[in-house]
């Protein structure tokens, strides 16, 4: 049995949408987490070593971090066509966007949101404007990060702009892309569920 540990209104919501998009036989277990405002708390039923979400358990495999879980699930359920598998065209670009999200977009978004600045952070991770420029370049002549094909990289990389709309850059290509990604039925359903749970 494959189980995704999830808490509504958290980073794991995009992975619940991914599971739905994949049509995958994945059990969703809701757990509590400690929230940014200090509410909530760790759930003893959450097997994540730091009691965070998302966390995927598949038999003896235990996967944490959104990019890793996205890759694991799209490789496990290739028939959904949400990520090129090894040997298919676009695999390198797909991997690059998943890791760009995890290693660049998420930290840079958090730094921008909190107003945290330091030359070492910019030199290591880039700044928010540079991140926006990379996204804009990728999207100025195509609807999705991999071209005409929507993928789980789009779901992952567009998710912060749904979760924290104040981060939405003033760039039409990015705004249109986020709107296309947000209009996916699975994403809409999960966003509505999160609103009801708030």
N, C-alpha and C. Protein backbone atom coordinates (compact mmCIF):
# COMPACT_ATOMS: atom_id res chain seq x y z
N UNK A 1 0.84 -1.19 0.00
CA UNK A 1 0.00 0.00 0.00
C UNK A 1 0.87 1.24 0.00
N UNK A 2 0.56 2.17 -0.86
CA UNK A 2 1.25 3.46 -0.93
C UNK A 2 0.42 4.48 -0.16
N UNK A 3 1.06 5.19 0.76
CA UNK A 3 0.34 6.14 1.62
C UNK A 3 1.02 7.50 1.57
N UNK A 4 0.22 8.53 1.35
CA UNK A 4 0.71 9.90 1.40
C UNK A 4 0.17 10.56 2.66
N UNK A 5 1.06 11.04 3.49
CA UNK A 5 0.68 11.77 4.70
C UNK A 5 0.55 13.25 4.34
N UNK A 6 -0.58 13.82 4.71
CA UNK A 6 -0.99 15.12 4.20
C UNK A 6 -1.68 15.90 5.31
N UNK A 7 -1.53 17.23 5.26
CA UNK A 7 -2.28 18.12 6.12
C UNK A 7 -2.86 19.21 5.24
N UNK A 8 -4.18 19.46 5.31
CA UNK A 8 -4.78 20.49 4.46
C UNK A 8 -4.10 21.85 4.65
N UNK A 9 -4.14 22.66 3.60
CA UNK A 9 -3.54 24.00 3.63
C UNK A 9 -2.05 23.95 3.95
N UNK A 10 -1.38 23.03 3.30
CA UNK A 10 0.07 22.91 3.48
C UNK A 10 0.69 22.55 2.13
N UNK A 11 1.99 22.42 2.12
CA UNK A 11 2.69 22.07 0.88
C UNK A 11 2.24 20.72 0.33
N UNK A 12 1.67 19.89 1.17
CA UNK A 12 1.26 18.56 0.69
C UNK A 12 0.00 18.60 -0.15
N UNK A 13 -0.73 19.72 -0.14
CA UNK A 13 -1.97 19.79 -0.92
C UNK A 13 -1.72 19.57 -2.40
N UNK A 14 -0.62 20.11 -2.92
CA UNK A 14 -0.33 19.91 -4.35
C UNK A 14 -0.09 18.44 -4.66
N UNK A 15 0.40 17.68 -3.70
CA UNK A 15 0.64 16.26 -3.95
C UNK A 15 -0.65 15.45 -3.91
N UNK A 16 -1.63 15.92 -3.14
CA UNK A 16 -2.95 15.28 -3.18
C UNK A 16 -3.55 15.50 -4.57
N UNK A 17 -3.37 16.70 -5.12
CA UNK A 17 -3.83 16.97 -6.49
C UNK A 17 -3.10 16.09 -7.49
N UNK A 18 -1.80 15.89 -7.27
CA UNK A 18 -1.02 15.02 -8.17
C UNK A 18 -1.54 13.59 -8.13
N UNK A 19 -1.81 13.08 -6.94
CA UNK A 19 -2.34 11.72 -6.82
C UNK A 19 -3.63 11.59 -7.62
N UNK A 20 -4.49 12.60 -7.53
CA UNK A 20 -5.75 12.58 -8.28
C UNK A 20 -5.48 12.65 -9.78
N UNK A 21 -4.56 13.51 -10.19
CA UNK A 21 -4.20 13.62 -11.60
C UNK A 21 -3.66 12.29 -12.14
N UNK A 22 -2.90 11.60 -11.32
CA UNK A 22 -2.31 10.33 -11.74
C UNK A 22 -3.34 9.20 -11.78
N UNK A 23 -4.45 9.37 -11.10
CA UNK A 23 -5.41 8.27 -10.96
C UNK A 23 -4.78 7.12 -10.19
N UNK A 24 -3.91 7.48 -9.25
CA UNK A 24 -3.08 6.49 -8.57
C UNK A 24 -3.78 5.93 -7.33
N UNK A 25 -3.50 4.66 -7.07
CA UNK A 25 -4.01 4.00 -5.87
C UNK A 25 -3.10 4.36 -4.70
N UNK A 26 -3.32 5.54 -4.17
CA UNK A 26 -2.52 6.03 -3.04
C UNK A 26 -3.50 6.42 -1.94
N UNK A 27 -3.27 5.90 -0.75
CA UNK A 27 -4.10 6.22 0.41
C UNK A 27 -3.64 7.56 0.98
N UNK A 28 -4.57 8.48 1.19
CA UNK A 28 -4.24 9.79 1.76
C UNK A 28 -4.59 9.77 3.24
N UNK A 29 -3.60 9.98 4.09
CA UNK A 29 -3.81 10.01 5.54
C UNK A 29 -3.59 11.44 6.03
N UNK A 30 -4.61 12.03 6.61
CA UNK A 30 -4.47 13.38 7.14
C UNK A 30 -3.87 13.33 8.54
N UNK A 31 -2.89 14.22 8.75
CA UNK A 31 -2.23 14.36 10.05
C UNK A 31 -2.15 15.84 10.38
N UNK A 32 -1.94 16.15 11.64
CA UNK A 32 -1.74 17.54 12.04
C UNK A 32 -0.26 17.87 11.94
N UNK A 33 0.03 19.15 11.77
CA UNK A 33 1.40 19.63 11.74
C UNK A 33 1.48 20.93 12.53
N UNK A 34 2.68 21.33 12.88
CA UNK A 34 2.89 22.64 13.50
C UNK A 34 2.83 23.68 12.39
N UNK A 35 2.01 24.70 12.58
CA UNK A 35 1.81 25.75 11.57
C UNK A 35 2.74 26.94 11.82
N UNK A 36 2.89 27.76 10.78
CA UNK A 36 3.76 28.94 10.88
C UNK A 36 3.33 29.90 11.98
N UNK A 37 2.02 29.92 12.28
CA UNK A 37 1.54 30.83 13.32
C UNK A 37 1.63 30.22 14.72
N UNK A 38 2.19 29.02 14.82
CA UNK A 38 2.35 28.36 16.11
C UNK A 38 1.20 27.44 16.47
N UNK A 39 0.13 27.44 15.67
CA UNK A 39 -1.00 26.55 15.96
C UNK A 39 -0.65 25.13 15.52
N UNK A 40 -1.56 24.23 15.82
CA UNK A 40 -1.35 22.82 15.46
C UNK A 40 -0.29 22.18 16.31
N UNK A 41 0.27 21.13 15.81
CA UNK A 41 1.33 20.44 16.54
C UNK A 41 1.67 19.14 15.86
N UNK A 42 2.77 18.54 16.25
CA UNK A 42 3.18 17.27 15.63
C UNK A 42 2.18 16.16 15.93
N UNK A 43 1.97 15.32 14.95
CA UNK A 43 1.01 14.22 15.07
C UNK A 43 1.78 12.92 15.30
N UNK A 44 1.50 12.22 16.40
CA UNK A 44 2.21 10.96 16.66
C UNK A 44 1.98 9.91 15.58
N UNK A 45 0.90 10.07 14.80
CA UNK A 45 0.61 9.10 13.72
C UNK A 45 1.37 9.42 12.44
N UNK A 46 2.09 10.52 12.41
CA UNK A 46 2.87 10.91 11.23
C UNK A 46 4.26 10.26 11.31
N UNK A 47 4.60 9.40 10.36
CA UNK A 47 5.89 8.72 10.43
C UNK A 47 7.07 9.58 9.95
N UNK A 48 6.82 10.78 9.41
CA UNK A 48 7.92 11.65 8.97
C UNK A 48 8.84 11.89 10.16
N UNK A 49 10.16 11.78 9.96
CA UNK A 49 11.07 11.93 11.11
C UNK A 49 11.00 13.30 11.78
N UNK A 50 10.51 14.32 11.06
CA UNK A 50 10.38 15.65 11.65
C UNK A 50 8.91 16.05 11.79
N UNK A 51 8.01 15.08 11.57
CA UNK A 51 6.56 15.29 11.70
C UNK A 51 6.04 16.35 10.73
N UNK A 52 6.62 16.40 9.55
CA UNK A 52 6.20 17.34 8.52
C UNK A 52 5.44 16.59 7.43
N UNK A 53 4.87 17.35 6.51
CA UNK A 53 4.23 16.79 5.33
C UNK A 53 4.77 17.54 4.12
N UNK A 54 4.74 16.90 2.97
CA UNK A 54 4.25 15.56 2.68
C UNK A 54 5.28 14.50 3.03
N UNK A 55 4.78 13.29 3.16
CA UNK A 55 5.63 12.12 3.40
C UNK A 55 4.96 10.95 2.72
N UNK A 56 5.71 10.24 1.90
CA UNK A 56 5.16 9.11 1.15
C UNK A 56 5.81 7.83 1.64
N UNK A 57 4.97 6.86 1.95
CA UNK A 57 5.44 5.53 2.34
C UNK A 57 4.91 4.54 1.32
N UNK A 58 5.81 3.79 0.70
CA UNK A 58 5.45 2.79 -0.31
C UNK A 58 6.20 1.51 0.02
N UNK A 59 5.55 0.64 0.81
CA UNK A 59 6.25 -0.55 1.28
C UNK A 59 7.40 -0.13 2.19
N UNK A 60 8.61 -0.54 1.81
CA UNK A 60 9.79 -0.17 2.60
C UNK A 60 10.39 1.17 2.19
N UNK A 61 9.86 1.75 1.13
CA UNK A 61 10.37 3.04 0.66
C UNK A 61 9.69 4.18 1.43
N UNK A 62 10.50 5.13 1.87
CA UNK A 62 9.98 6.31 2.58
C UNK A 62 10.58 7.53 1.91
N UNK A 63 9.71 8.39 1.36
CA UNK A 63 10.17 9.51 0.56
C UNK A 63 9.65 10.81 1.16
N UNK A 64 10.55 11.78 1.32
CA UNK A 64 10.16 13.10 1.79
C UNK A 64 10.68 14.11 0.78
N UNK A 65 10.19 15.32 0.88
CA UNK A 65 10.47 16.45 -0.01
C UNK A 65 9.63 16.32 -1.27
N UNK A 66 8.95 17.41 -1.59
CA UNK A 66 7.96 17.39 -2.67
C UNK A 66 8.53 16.98 -4.01
N UNK A 67 9.67 17.53 -4.38
CA UNK A 67 10.25 17.18 -5.68
C UNK A 67 10.54 15.70 -5.78
N UNK A 68 11.06 15.11 -4.72
CA UNK A 68 11.36 13.67 -4.71
C UNK A 68 10.08 12.85 -4.81
N UNK A 69 9.05 13.26 -4.10
CA UNK A 69 7.78 12.53 -4.14
C UNK A 69 7.15 12.64 -5.52
N UNK A 70 7.19 13.83 -6.12
CA UNK A 70 6.65 13.99 -7.47
C UNK A 70 7.35 13.05 -8.44
N UNK A 71 8.67 13.03 -8.40
CA UNK A 71 9.43 12.17 -9.30
C UNK A 71 9.11 10.70 -9.06
N UNK A 72 9.06 10.31 -7.80
CA UNK A 72 8.76 8.91 -7.45
C UNK A 72 7.39 8.50 -8.00
N UNK A 73 6.39 9.34 -7.78
CA UNK A 73 5.04 8.98 -8.21
C UNK A 73 4.87 9.01 -9.73
N UNK A 74 5.46 10.00 -10.40
CA UNK A 74 5.30 10.03 -11.86
C UNK A 74 6.06 8.90 -12.52
N UNK A 75 7.15 8.45 -11.92
CA UNK A 75 7.85 7.26 -12.44
C UNK A 75 7.06 5.99 -12.13
N UNK A 76 6.41 5.95 -10.97
CA UNK A 76 5.66 4.75 -10.58
C UNK A 76 4.37 4.60 -11.39
N UNK A 77 3.80 5.73 -11.82
CA UNK A 77 2.55 5.70 -12.58
C UNK A 77 2.75 6.41 -13.93
N UNK A 78 3.60 5.85 -14.79
CA UNK A 78 3.95 6.53 -16.04
C UNK A 78 2.80 6.63 -17.03
N UNK A 79 1.81 5.75 -16.89
CA UNK A 79 0.70 5.75 -17.85
C UNK A 79 -0.10 7.04 -17.83
N UNK A 80 0.00 7.81 -16.75
CA UNK A 80 -0.70 9.09 -16.66
C UNK A 80 -0.04 10.16 -17.53
N UNK A 81 1.21 9.95 -17.90
CA UNK A 81 1.90 10.89 -18.78
C UNK A 81 2.21 12.23 -18.15
N UNK A 82 2.38 12.28 -16.83
CA UNK A 82 2.63 13.56 -16.16
C UNK A 82 4.10 13.86 -15.94
N UNK A 83 4.96 12.99 -16.42
CA UNK A 83 6.39 13.24 -16.34
C UNK A 83 7.12 12.26 -17.24
N UNK A 84 8.02 12.76 -18.09
CA UNK A 84 8.77 11.84 -18.95
C UNK A 84 9.59 10.86 -18.10
N UNK A 85 9.51 9.60 -18.43
CA UNK A 85 10.30 8.62 -17.70
C UNK A 85 11.66 8.47 -18.37
N UNK A 86 12.57 7.76 -17.72
CA UNK A 86 13.93 7.61 -18.23
C UNK A 86 13.90 7.11 -19.67
N UNK A 87 14.66 7.79 -20.52
CA UNK A 87 14.74 7.42 -21.93
C UNK A 87 13.78 8.20 -22.82
N UNK A 88 12.81 8.90 -22.23
CA UNK A 88 11.86 9.69 -23.03
C UNK A 88 12.38 11.11 -23.22
N UNK A 89 12.02 11.73 -24.36
CA UNK A 89 12.41 13.12 -24.57
C UNK A 89 11.85 14.02 -23.47
N UNK A 90 12.64 14.99 -23.07
CA UNK A 90 12.20 15.94 -22.06
C UNK A 90 12.52 15.52 -20.63
N UNK A 91 13.11 14.34 -20.45
CA UNK A 91 13.41 13.87 -19.10
C UNK A 91 14.35 14.82 -18.36
N UNK A 92 15.40 15.27 -19.04
CA UNK A 92 16.37 16.15 -18.40
C UNK A 92 15.75 17.47 -17.98
N UNK A 93 14.92 18.03 -18.86
CA UNK A 93 14.26 19.30 -18.53
C UNK A 93 13.28 19.11 -17.36
N UNK A 94 12.58 17.99 -17.38
CA UNK A 94 11.64 17.67 -16.30
C UNK A 94 12.37 17.59 -14.97
N UNK A 95 13.47 16.83 -14.93
CA UNK A 95 14.25 16.71 -13.70
C UNK A 95 14.78 18.07 -13.26
N UNK A 96 15.23 18.87 -14.24
CA UNK A 96 15.78 20.18 -13.91
C UNK A 96 14.74 21.06 -13.23
N UNK A 97 13.49 21.06 -13.73
CA UNK A 97 12.46 21.89 -13.11
C UNK A 97 12.08 21.37 -11.73
N UNK A 98 12.01 20.05 -11.54
CA UNK A 98 11.70 19.53 -10.21
C UNK A 98 12.75 19.95 -9.19
N UNK A 99 14.01 19.86 -9.59
CA UNK A 99 15.08 20.19 -8.66
C UNK A 99 15.25 21.70 -8.54
N UNK A 100 14.93 22.45 -9.60
CA UNK A 100 14.96 23.90 -9.52
C UNK A 100 13.92 24.37 -8.50
N UNK A 101 12.75 23.75 -8.53
CA UNK A 101 11.74 24.11 -7.54
C UNK A 101 12.28 23.89 -6.13
N UNK A 102 12.76 22.67 -5.88
CA UNK A 102 13.16 22.30 -4.53
C UNK A 102 14.37 23.09 -4.06
N UNK A 103 15.35 23.27 -4.95
CA UNK A 103 16.60 23.89 -4.54
C UNK A 103 16.64 25.40 -4.69
N UNK A 104 15.79 25.98 -5.55
CA UNK A 104 15.83 27.41 -5.80
C UNK A 104 14.50 28.09 -5.48
N UNK A 105 13.44 27.66 -6.13
CA UNK A 105 12.17 28.38 -6.00
C UNK A 105 11.65 28.45 -4.57
N UNK A 106 11.65 27.32 -3.90
CA UNK A 106 11.08 27.34 -2.55
C UNK A 106 11.91 28.18 -1.58
N UNK A 107 13.25 27.99 -1.52
CA UNK A 107 14.00 28.85 -0.61
C UNK A 107 13.91 30.34 -0.98
N UNK A 108 14.03 30.65 -2.28
CA UNK A 108 13.98 32.05 -2.70
C UNK A 108 12.61 32.66 -2.38
N UNK A 109 11.55 31.89 -2.57
CA UNK A 109 10.21 32.36 -2.22
C UNK A 109 10.08 32.66 -0.74
N UNK A 110 10.64 31.79 0.09
CA UNK A 110 10.59 32.01 1.54
C UNK A 110 11.40 33.24 1.92
N UNK A 111 12.60 33.39 1.34
CA UNK A 111 13.41 34.58 1.64
C UNK A 111 12.66 35.85 1.25
N UNK A 112 12.04 35.82 0.07
CA UNK A 112 11.30 36.99 -0.42
C UNK A 112 10.11 37.31 0.50
N UNK A 113 9.37 36.27 0.86
CA UNK A 113 8.19 36.43 1.71
C UNK A 113 8.56 37.02 3.08
N UNK A 114 9.67 36.56 3.63
CA UNK A 114 10.07 37.00 4.97
C UNK A 114 10.91 38.27 4.95
N UNK A 115 11.37 38.68 3.76
CA UNK A 115 12.23 39.86 3.67
C UNK A 115 13.66 39.59 4.07
N UNK A 116 14.04 38.34 4.12
CA UNK A 116 15.40 37.96 4.53
C UNK A 116 16.36 38.16 3.35
N UNK A 117 17.39 38.93 3.56
CA UNK A 117 18.39 39.16 2.51
C UNK A 117 19.79 39.03 3.08
N UNK A 118 20.67 38.57 2.24
CA UNK A 118 22.08 38.48 2.58
C UNK A 118 22.82 38.14 1.30
N UNK A 119 24.00 38.73 1.06
CA UNK A 119 24.72 38.43 -0.17
C UNK A 119 24.99 36.93 -0.37
N UNK A 120 25.23 36.21 0.71
CA UNK A 120 25.49 34.77 0.58
C UNK A 120 24.25 34.03 0.08
N UNK A 121 23.07 34.47 0.52
CA UNK A 121 21.84 33.83 0.06
C UNK A 121 21.62 34.08 -1.43
N UNK A 122 21.85 35.32 -1.86
CA UNK A 122 21.67 35.66 -3.28
C UNK A 122 22.70 34.93 -4.13
N UNK A 123 23.94 34.87 -3.69
CA UNK A 123 24.98 34.20 -4.46
C UNK A 123 24.70 32.70 -4.58
N UNK A 124 24.14 32.13 -3.53
CA UNK A 124 23.88 30.69 -3.52
C UNK A 124 22.58 30.33 -4.23
N UNK A 125 21.50 31.04 -3.87
CA UNK A 125 20.17 30.65 -4.34
C UNK A 125 19.59 31.53 -5.45
N UNK A 126 20.18 32.69 -5.72
CA UNK A 126 19.65 33.70 -6.63
C UNK A 126 18.67 34.60 -5.87
N UNK A 127 18.18 35.63 -6.55
CA UNK A 127 17.18 36.48 -5.93
C UNK A 127 15.83 36.23 -6.59
N UNK A 128 14.79 36.82 -6.03
CA UNK A 128 13.43 36.57 -6.51
C UNK A 128 13.27 36.99 -7.96
N UNK A 129 13.82 38.15 -8.32
CA UNK A 129 13.68 38.63 -9.70
C UNK A 129 14.34 37.70 -10.71
N UNK A 130 15.48 37.14 -10.34
CA UNK A 130 16.17 36.19 -11.23
C UNK A 130 15.34 34.93 -11.40
N UNK A 131 14.75 34.45 -10.30
CA UNK A 131 13.90 33.27 -10.38
C UNK A 131 12.70 33.54 -11.30
N UNK A 132 12.09 34.71 -11.14
CA UNK A 132 10.95 35.08 -11.99
C UNK A 132 11.38 35.15 -13.45
N UNK A 133 12.56 35.68 -13.70
CA UNK A 133 13.06 35.78 -15.07
C UNK A 133 13.24 34.41 -15.70
N UNK A 134 13.75 33.42 -14.93
CA UNK A 134 13.91 32.07 -15.47
C UNK A 134 12.55 31.48 -15.86
N UNK A 135 11.55 31.64 -14.98
CA UNK A 135 10.21 31.14 -15.28
C UNK A 135 9.65 31.84 -16.52
N UNK A 136 9.79 33.16 -16.57
CA UNK A 136 9.23 33.93 -17.69
C UNK A 136 9.87 33.51 -19.01
N UNK A 137 11.18 33.29 -19.00
CA UNK A 137 11.86 32.86 -20.22
C UNK A 137 11.32 31.52 -20.70
N UNK A 138 11.06 30.62 -19.77
CA UNK A 138 10.57 29.29 -20.13
C UNK A 138 9.15 29.34 -20.68
N UNK A 139 8.38 30.34 -20.25
CA UNK A 139 6.95 30.37 -20.57
C UNK A 139 6.57 31.40 -21.62
N UNK A 140 7.50 32.20 -22.10
CA UNK A 140 7.11 33.28 -23.01
C UNK A 140 6.63 32.76 -24.37
N UNK A 141 7.11 31.58 -24.80
CA UNK A 141 6.71 31.05 -26.11
C UNK A 141 6.02 29.69 -26.03
N UNK A 142 5.65 29.27 -24.84
CA UNK A 142 5.00 27.97 -24.69
C UNK A 142 4.11 28.00 -23.46
N UNK A 143 3.05 27.17 -23.45
CA UNK A 143 2.09 27.23 -22.35
C UNK A 143 2.57 26.58 -21.05
N UNK A 144 3.50 25.63 -21.15
CA UNK A 144 3.94 24.88 -19.98
C UNK A 144 5.46 24.78 -19.96
N UNK A 145 6.00 24.39 -18.83
CA UNK A 145 7.45 24.33 -18.68
C UNK A 145 8.11 23.37 -19.66
N UNK A 146 7.41 22.31 -20.05
CA UNK A 146 7.96 21.34 -21.00
C UNK A 146 7.42 21.55 -22.41
N UNK A 147 6.83 22.69 -22.68
CA UNK A 147 6.30 22.97 -24.02
C UNK A 147 4.79 22.96 -24.02
N UNK A 148 4.20 22.19 -24.94
CA UNK A 148 2.74 22.12 -25.03
C UNK A 148 2.16 21.13 -24.03
N UNK A 149 3.01 20.41 -23.34
CA UNK A 149 2.58 19.31 -22.48
C UNK A 149 2.59 19.72 -21.01
N UNK A 150 1.43 19.67 -20.36
CA UNK A 150 1.34 19.88 -18.92
C UNK A 150 2.01 18.70 -18.22
N UNK A 151 2.77 19.01 -17.18
CA UNK A 151 3.43 17.94 -16.43
C UNK A 151 3.35 18.23 -14.94
N UNK A 152 3.81 17.27 -14.17
CA UNK A 152 3.85 17.46 -12.72
C UNK A 152 4.83 18.56 -12.33
N UNK A 153 5.77 18.91 -13.21
CA UNK A 153 6.66 20.05 -12.93
C UNK A 153 5.85 21.34 -12.90
N UNK A 154 4.86 21.46 -13.77
CA UNK A 154 3.99 22.64 -13.76
C UNK A 154 3.20 22.69 -12.46
N UNK A 155 2.64 21.56 -12.06
CA UNK A 155 1.86 21.51 -10.83
C UNK A 155 2.72 21.96 -9.65
N UNK A 156 3.94 21.42 -9.57
CA UNK A 156 4.82 21.74 -8.45
C UNK A 156 5.28 23.19 -8.47
N UNK A 157 5.77 23.64 -9.61
CA UNK A 157 6.36 24.98 -9.69
C UNK A 157 5.33 26.11 -9.63
N UNK A 158 4.10 25.83 -10.03
CA UNK A 158 3.06 26.86 -9.94
C UNK A 158 2.42 26.92 -8.56
N UNK A 159 2.59 25.88 -7.76
CA UNK A 159 1.88 25.78 -6.49
C UNK A 159 2.16 26.91 -5.50
N UNK A 160 3.38 27.46 -5.40
CA UNK A 160 3.57 28.53 -4.42
C UNK A 160 2.71 29.76 -4.69
N UNK A 161 2.40 30.00 -5.97
CA UNK A 161 1.63 31.19 -6.33
C UNK A 161 0.14 31.01 -5.98
N UNK A 162 -0.29 29.77 -5.83
CA UNK A 162 -1.63 29.50 -5.31
C UNK A 162 -1.64 29.60 -3.79
N UNK A 163 -0.61 29.08 -3.19
CA UNK A 163 -0.52 29.00 -1.73
C UNK A 163 -0.25 30.38 -1.13
N UNK A 164 0.56 31.17 -1.82
CA UNK A 164 0.90 32.52 -1.35
C UNK A 164 0.75 33.50 -2.52
N UNK A 165 -0.50 33.90 -2.82
CA UNK A 165 -0.74 34.76 -3.99
C UNK A 165 0.04 36.06 -3.99
N UNK A 166 0.48 36.53 -2.82
CA UNK A 166 1.28 37.75 -2.77
C UNK A 166 2.62 37.59 -3.48
N UNK A 167 3.02 36.35 -3.71
CA UNK A 167 4.28 36.10 -4.42
C UNK A 167 4.12 36.21 -5.94
N UNK A 168 2.88 36.29 -6.42
CA UNK A 168 2.65 36.31 -7.87
C UNK A 168 3.37 37.49 -8.51
N UNK A 169 4.29 37.21 -9.44
CA UNK A 169 5.00 38.31 -10.08
C UNK A 169 4.14 39.03 -11.11
N UNK A 170 4.53 40.24 -11.41
CA UNK A 170 3.82 41.04 -12.40
C UNK A 170 4.36 40.69 -13.79
N UNK A 171 4.05 39.47 -14.21
CA UNK A 171 4.49 38.98 -15.51
C UNK A 171 3.33 38.21 -16.12
N UNK A 172 2.87 38.63 -17.30
CA UNK A 172 1.66 38.04 -17.87
C UNK A 172 1.83 36.57 -18.22
N UNK A 173 3.00 36.19 -18.75
CA UNK A 173 3.22 34.78 -19.11
C UNK A 173 3.11 33.89 -17.88
N UNK A 174 3.68 34.33 -16.77
CA UNK A 174 3.61 33.54 -15.53
C UNK A 174 2.19 33.53 -14.99
N UNK A 175 1.53 34.67 -15.01
CA UNK A 175 0.15 34.74 -14.52
C UNK A 175 -0.76 33.80 -15.34
N UNK A 176 -0.61 33.81 -16.64
CA UNK A 176 -1.42 32.95 -17.50
C UNK A 176 -1.13 31.47 -17.23
N UNK A 177 0.15 31.16 -17.03
CA UNK A 177 0.55 29.77 -16.75
C UNK A 177 -0.04 29.31 -15.42
N UNK A 178 0.06 30.14 -14.39
CA UNK A 178 -0.51 29.77 -13.09
C UNK A 178 -2.02 29.57 -13.22
N UNK A 179 -2.68 30.43 -13.98
CA UNK A 179 -4.13 30.29 -14.18
C UNK A 179 -4.45 28.96 -14.88
N UNK A 180 -3.67 28.61 -15.90
CA UNK A 180 -3.90 27.33 -16.60
C UNK A 180 -3.70 26.15 -15.64
N UNK A 181 -2.64 26.22 -14.85
CA UNK A 181 -2.35 25.12 -13.92
C UNK A 181 -3.40 25.05 -12.82
N UNK A 182 -3.87 26.21 -12.36
CA UNK A 182 -4.87 26.25 -11.29
C UNK A 182 -6.24 25.80 -11.76
N UNK A 183 -6.45 25.84 -13.07
CA UNK A 183 -7.75 25.48 -13.63
C UNK A 183 -7.89 23.98 -13.85
N UNK A 184 -6.86 23.22 -13.55
CA UNK A 184 -6.96 21.77 -13.65
C UNK A 184 -8.00 21.28 -12.63
N UNK A 185 -8.89 20.39 -13.01
CA UNK A 185 -9.94 19.95 -12.08
C UNK A 185 -9.41 19.45 -10.74
N UNK A 186 -8.33 18.69 -10.76
CA UNK A 186 -7.80 18.16 -9.49
C UNK A 186 -7.29 19.30 -8.60
N UNK A 187 -6.62 20.27 -9.20
CA UNK A 187 -6.10 21.39 -8.41
C UNK A 187 -7.25 22.21 -7.85
N UNK A 188 -8.27 22.47 -8.67
CA UNK A 188 -9.43 23.23 -8.19
C UNK A 188 -10.09 22.53 -7.02
N UNK A 189 -10.27 21.21 -7.12
CA UNK A 189 -10.93 20.46 -6.04
C UNK A 189 -10.14 20.54 -4.74
N UNK A 190 -8.83 20.38 -4.84
CA UNK A 190 -8.01 20.40 -3.62
C UNK A 190 -7.99 21.81 -3.02
N UNK A 191 -7.95 22.84 -3.87
CA UNK A 191 -8.00 24.21 -3.34
C UNK A 191 -9.32 24.47 -2.63
N UNK A 192 -10.42 23.95 -3.19
CA UNK A 192 -11.73 24.11 -2.55
C UNK A 192 -11.78 23.36 -1.22
N UNK A 193 -11.21 22.15 -1.20
CA UNK A 193 -11.15 21.38 0.06
C UNK A 193 -10.34 22.13 1.11
N UNK A 194 -9.24 22.72 0.69
CA UNK A 194 -8.40 23.48 1.64
C UNK A 194 -9.17 24.68 2.20
N UNK A 195 -9.93 25.36 1.34
CA UNK A 195 -10.72 26.51 1.81
C UNK A 195 -11.74 26.08 2.85
N UNK A 196 -12.37 24.94 2.61
CA UNK A 196 -13.37 24.45 3.56
C UNK A 196 -12.71 24.03 4.87
N UNK A 197 -11.48 23.52 4.79
CA UNK A 197 -10.78 23.07 5.99
C UNK A 197 -10.17 24.21 6.79
N UNK A 198 -10.03 25.37 6.16
CA UNK A 198 -9.37 26.51 6.84
C UNK A 198 -10.19 27.02 8.01
